[in-house]
N, C-alpha and C. Protein backbone atom coordinates (compact mmCIF):
# COMPACT_ATOMS: atom_id res chain seq x y z
N UNK A 1 90.67 110.90 124.27
CA UNK A 1 90.25 109.55 123.92
C UNK A 1 90.56 108.66 125.07
N UNK A 2 89.64 107.84 125.44
CA UNK A 2 89.85 106.93 126.56
C UNK A 2 90.70 105.71 126.13
N UNK A 3 91.20 104.96 127.06
CA UNK A 3 91.96 103.81 126.72
C UNK A 3 91.15 102.77 126.01
N UNK A 4 89.87 102.71 126.36
CA UNK A 4 88.96 101.75 125.68
C UNK A 4 88.79 102.18 124.15
N UNK A 5 88.61 103.48 123.95
CA UNK A 5 88.54 104.00 122.55
C UNK A 5 89.83 103.66 121.81
N UNK A 6 90.96 103.89 122.47
CA UNK A 6 92.21 103.56 121.76
C UNK A 6 92.35 102.07 121.38
N UNK A 7 91.89 101.21 122.26
CA UNK A 7 91.89 99.80 121.98
C UNK A 7 90.98 99.49 120.84
N UNK A 8 89.74 100.03 120.86
CA UNK A 8 88.82 99.81 119.73
C UNK A 8 89.40 100.25 118.42
N UNK A 9 90.02 101.46 118.41
CA UNK A 9 90.59 102.03 117.22
C UNK A 9 91.65 101.11 116.67
N UNK A 10 92.55 100.62 117.56
CA UNK A 10 93.58 99.63 117.12
C UNK A 10 92.93 98.34 116.54
N UNK A 11 91.92 97.83 117.19
CA UNK A 11 91.25 96.61 116.70
C UNK A 11 90.63 96.81 115.37
N UNK A 12 90.01 98.00 115.13
CA UNK A 12 89.39 98.24 113.83
C UNK A 12 90.43 98.26 112.71
N UNK A 13 91.57 98.94 113.03
CA UNK A 13 92.68 99.09 112.01
C UNK A 13 93.30 97.72 111.70
N UNK A 14 93.52 96.88 112.73
CA UNK A 14 94.09 95.61 112.56
C UNK A 14 93.18 94.75 111.70
N UNK A 15 91.87 94.78 112.03
CA UNK A 15 90.87 93.96 111.30
C UNK A 15 90.88 94.40 109.82
N UNK A 16 90.81 95.69 109.62
CA UNK A 16 90.82 96.19 108.20
C UNK A 16 92.08 95.78 107.49
N UNK A 17 93.23 95.85 108.13
CA UNK A 17 94.49 95.39 107.50
C UNK A 17 94.50 93.95 107.13
N UNK A 18 93.90 93.10 108.00
CA UNK A 18 93.78 91.68 107.69
C UNK A 18 92.88 91.50 106.50
N UNK A 19 91.70 92.23 106.51
CA UNK A 19 90.78 91.99 105.36
C UNK A 19 91.40 92.50 104.08
N UNK A 20 92.10 93.55 104.05
CA UNK A 20 92.74 94.04 102.85
C UNK A 20 93.85 93.12 102.39
N UNK A 21 94.60 92.54 103.28
CA UNK A 21 95.56 91.56 102.96
C UNK A 21 94.93 90.38 102.27
N UNK A 22 93.76 89.93 102.80
CA UNK A 22 93.05 88.83 102.22
C UNK A 22 92.65 89.13 100.74
N UNK A 23 92.52 90.43 100.42
CA UNK A 23 92.22 90.80 99.06
C UNK A 23 93.45 91.05 98.18
N UNK A 24 94.65 90.79 98.76
CA UNK A 24 95.92 91.00 98.03
C UNK A 24 96.43 92.36 98.14
N UNK A 25 96.02 93.14 99.05
CA UNK A 25 96.49 94.55 99.13
C UNK A 25 97.53 94.61 100.32
N UNK A 26 98.66 95.24 99.99
CA UNK A 26 99.71 95.34 100.98
C UNK A 26 99.36 96.43 102.01
N UNK A 27 99.55 96.12 103.31
CA UNK A 27 99.24 97.11 104.34
C UNK A 27 100.37 97.12 105.36
N UNK A 28 100.44 98.15 106.13
CA UNK A 28 101.36 98.29 107.25
C UNK A 28 100.69 99.14 108.32
N UNK A 29 100.63 98.65 109.53
CA UNK A 29 100.10 99.42 110.66
C UNK A 29 101.19 100.32 111.20
N UNK A 30 100.93 101.62 111.19
CA UNK A 30 101.96 102.59 111.65
C UNK A 30 101.53 103.00 113.03
N UNK A 31 102.36 102.85 114.01
CA UNK A 31 102.17 103.26 115.40
C UNK A 31 103.16 104.25 115.79
N UNK A 32 102.85 105.57 115.52
CA UNK A 32 103.79 106.66 115.89
C UNK A 32 103.91 106.79 117.40
N UNK A 33 105.10 107.33 117.82
CA UNK A 33 105.36 107.56 119.27
C UNK A 33 104.36 108.60 119.77
N UNK A 34 104.00 109.55 118.92
CA UNK A 34 103.03 110.58 119.31
C UNK A 34 101.92 110.61 118.15
N UNK A 35 100.72 110.69 118.55
CA UNK A 35 99.69 110.73 117.51
C UNK A 35 98.93 109.43 117.41
N UNK A 36 97.97 109.37 116.48
CA UNK A 36 97.09 108.26 116.30
C UNK A 36 97.68 107.25 115.35
N UNK A 37 97.35 105.97 115.56
CA UNK A 37 97.79 104.95 114.66
C UNK A 37 97.06 105.06 113.30
N UNK A 38 97.71 104.66 112.23
CA UNK A 38 97.11 104.66 110.93
C UNK A 38 97.45 103.36 110.20
N UNK A 39 96.58 102.94 109.30
CA UNK A 39 96.91 101.79 108.49
C UNK A 39 97.31 102.31 107.07
N UNK A 40 98.53 102.02 106.73
CA UNK A 40 99.06 102.48 105.47
C UNK A 40 98.87 101.41 104.42
N UNK A 41 98.21 101.80 103.33
CA UNK A 41 97.92 100.88 102.23
C UNK A 41 99.06 101.11 101.15
N UNK A 42 99.67 100.02 100.72
CA UNK A 42 100.72 100.15 99.83
C UNK A 42 100.40 99.48 98.57
N UNK A 43 100.35 100.24 97.43
CA UNK A 43 100.08 99.63 96.15
C UNK A 43 101.24 99.97 95.19
N UNK A 44 101.49 99.08 94.25
CA UNK A 44 102.61 99.27 93.38
C UNK A 44 102.46 100.46 92.41
N UNK A 45 103.47 101.28 92.42
CA UNK A 45 103.47 102.42 91.52
C UNK A 45 102.59 103.52 91.91
N UNK A 46 101.99 103.55 93.08
CA UNK A 46 101.05 104.59 93.46
C UNK A 46 101.48 105.17 94.82
N UNK A 47 100.91 106.28 95.13
CA UNK A 47 101.18 106.89 96.39
C UNK A 47 100.50 106.05 97.49
N UNK A 48 101.13 106.11 98.71
CA UNK A 48 100.53 105.41 99.79
C UNK A 48 99.32 106.14 100.37
N UNK A 49 98.37 105.36 100.78
CA UNK A 49 97.13 105.91 101.34
C UNK A 49 97.08 105.53 102.77
N UNK A 50 96.85 106.54 103.64
CA UNK A 50 96.80 106.38 105.13
C UNK A 50 95.31 106.37 105.52
N UNK A 51 94.96 105.36 106.24
CA UNK A 51 93.54 105.18 106.75
C UNK A 51 93.55 105.35 108.20
N UNK A 52 92.63 106.17 108.66
CA UNK A 52 92.48 106.38 110.13
C UNK A 52 91.08 105.88 110.51
N UNK A 53 90.98 105.55 111.79
CA UNK A 53 89.69 105.11 112.37
C UNK A 53 89.35 106.13 113.44
N UNK A 54 88.18 106.73 113.28
CA UNK A 54 87.76 107.76 114.26
C UNK A 54 86.33 107.44 114.71
N UNK A 55 86.05 107.80 115.98
CA UNK A 55 84.75 107.55 116.49
C UNK A 55 83.77 108.68 116.17
N UNK A 56 82.61 108.31 115.75
CA UNK A 56 81.54 109.28 115.43
C UNK A 56 80.32 108.79 116.17
N UNK A 57 80.07 109.37 117.31
CA UNK A 57 78.94 108.92 118.19
C UNK A 57 79.31 107.56 118.76
N UNK A 58 78.46 106.56 118.47
CA UNK A 58 78.74 105.21 118.92
C UNK A 58 79.48 104.41 117.88
N UNK A 59 79.61 104.90 116.71
CA UNK A 59 80.19 104.13 115.59
C UNK A 59 81.56 104.55 115.22
N UNK A 60 82.27 103.76 114.42
CA UNK A 60 83.64 104.08 113.94
C UNK A 60 83.60 104.28 112.48
N UNK A 61 84.52 105.16 111.98
CA UNK A 61 84.48 105.49 110.57
C UNK A 61 85.94 105.42 110.08
N UNK A 62 86.19 104.70 108.99
CA UNK A 62 87.46 104.72 108.31
C UNK A 62 87.52 105.92 107.39
N UNK A 63 88.61 106.64 107.42
CA UNK A 63 88.72 107.79 106.53
C UNK A 63 90.11 107.72 105.90
N UNK A 64 90.14 108.03 104.58
CA UNK A 64 91.44 107.99 103.88
C UNK A 64 91.52 109.11 102.84
N UNK A 65 92.71 109.50 102.47
CA UNK A 65 92.93 110.49 101.49
C UNK A 65 94.46 110.42 101.19
N UNK A 66 94.83 110.39 99.97
CA UNK A 66 96.27 110.40 99.64
C UNK A 66 96.89 111.74 100.22
N UNK A 67 98.15 111.69 100.59
CA UNK A 67 98.76 112.85 101.17
C UNK A 67 98.84 114.03 100.16
N UNK A 68 98.87 113.75 98.87
CA UNK A 68 99.02 114.86 97.90
C UNK A 68 97.65 115.52 97.58
N UNK A 69 96.59 114.97 98.18
CA UNK A 69 95.22 115.50 97.85
C UNK A 69 94.65 116.33 99.07
N UNK A 70 95.46 116.63 100.00
CA UNK A 70 94.96 117.34 101.18
C UNK A 70 94.30 118.64 100.85
N UNK A 71 94.79 119.44 99.92
CA UNK A 71 94.25 120.74 99.68
C UNK A 71 93.03 120.77 98.85
N UNK A 72 92.85 119.86 97.89
CA UNK A 72 91.79 119.97 96.95
C UNK A 72 90.81 118.86 96.83
N UNK A 73 91.07 117.79 97.52
CA UNK A 73 90.17 116.58 97.38
C UNK A 73 89.50 116.28 98.72
N UNK A 74 88.19 116.06 98.66
CA UNK A 74 87.47 115.77 99.86
C UNK A 74 87.88 114.42 100.38
N UNK A 75 87.72 114.23 101.68
CA UNK A 75 88.04 112.98 102.34
C UNK A 75 87.08 111.84 101.79
N UNK A 76 87.55 110.65 101.81
CA UNK A 76 86.74 109.54 101.45
C UNK A 76 86.53 108.77 102.79
N UNK A 77 85.36 108.11 102.94
CA UNK A 77 85.09 107.44 104.17
C UNK A 77 84.15 106.24 104.00
N UNK A 78 84.20 105.31 104.97
CA UNK A 78 83.26 104.20 105.05
C UNK A 78 83.15 103.84 106.51
N UNK A 79 81.95 103.33 106.91
CA UNK A 79 81.77 102.94 108.27
C UNK A 79 82.64 101.67 108.56
N UNK A 80 83.25 101.60 109.69
CA UNK A 80 84.11 100.50 110.01
C UNK A 80 83.37 99.20 110.17
N UNK A 81 82.10 99.23 110.62
CA UNK A 81 81.33 97.99 110.78
C UNK A 81 80.77 97.46 109.49
N UNK A 82 80.90 98.22 108.37
CA UNK A 82 80.36 97.73 107.11
C UNK A 82 81.11 96.41 106.76
N UNK A 83 80.29 95.43 106.32
CA UNK A 83 80.89 94.13 105.99
C UNK A 83 81.82 94.23 104.75
N UNK A 84 81.59 95.21 103.89
CA UNK A 84 82.40 95.32 102.69
C UNK A 84 83.35 96.50 102.74
N UNK A 85 83.72 96.95 103.97
CA UNK A 85 84.66 98.10 104.12
C UNK A 85 85.95 97.86 103.39
N UNK A 86 86.56 96.76 103.49
CA UNK A 86 87.79 96.44 102.79
C UNK A 86 87.58 96.49 101.26
N UNK A 87 86.46 95.97 100.79
CA UNK A 87 86.21 95.96 99.31
C UNK A 87 86.04 97.44 98.89
N UNK A 88 85.39 98.21 99.58
CA UNK A 88 85.19 99.62 99.23
C UNK A 88 86.51 100.36 99.16
N UNK A 89 87.35 100.14 100.19
CA UNK A 89 88.58 100.85 100.32
C UNK A 89 89.54 100.40 99.17
N UNK A 90 89.51 99.05 98.95
CA UNK A 90 90.40 98.52 97.90
C UNK A 90 89.97 99.08 96.51
N UNK A 91 88.66 99.17 96.28
CA UNK A 91 88.20 99.70 95.00
C UNK A 91 88.39 101.15 94.79
N UNK A 92 88.20 101.94 95.84
CA UNK A 92 88.23 103.42 95.73
C UNK A 92 89.61 103.99 96.03
N UNK A 93 90.15 103.62 97.14
CA UNK A 93 91.43 104.24 97.58
C UNK A 93 92.65 103.72 96.81
N UNK A 94 92.59 102.43 96.39
CA UNK A 94 93.75 101.79 95.78
C UNK A 94 93.67 101.88 94.25
N UNK A 95 92.50 101.78 93.71
CA UNK A 95 92.29 101.74 92.28
C UNK A 95 92.74 102.98 91.55
């Protein structure tokens, strides 16, 4: 991943975090020393959901899945440029 891609990835996650916070959803941007950054969505009484931003061709895609569903549940996703990306994530990943 180029440094430009890393910057775009970070910008998409920060924008999504801000949009989710505007909807009243708690978020935290996790920047590990090694690995990719993730946006962690925090909801009361529920498991935390980690959202990643990945490049697919020219576009970016947000993907999420609760940690406990890795083996049996398909990934959920929405295009990062979708105007309602935060609404979709709040409704599906948090609800």
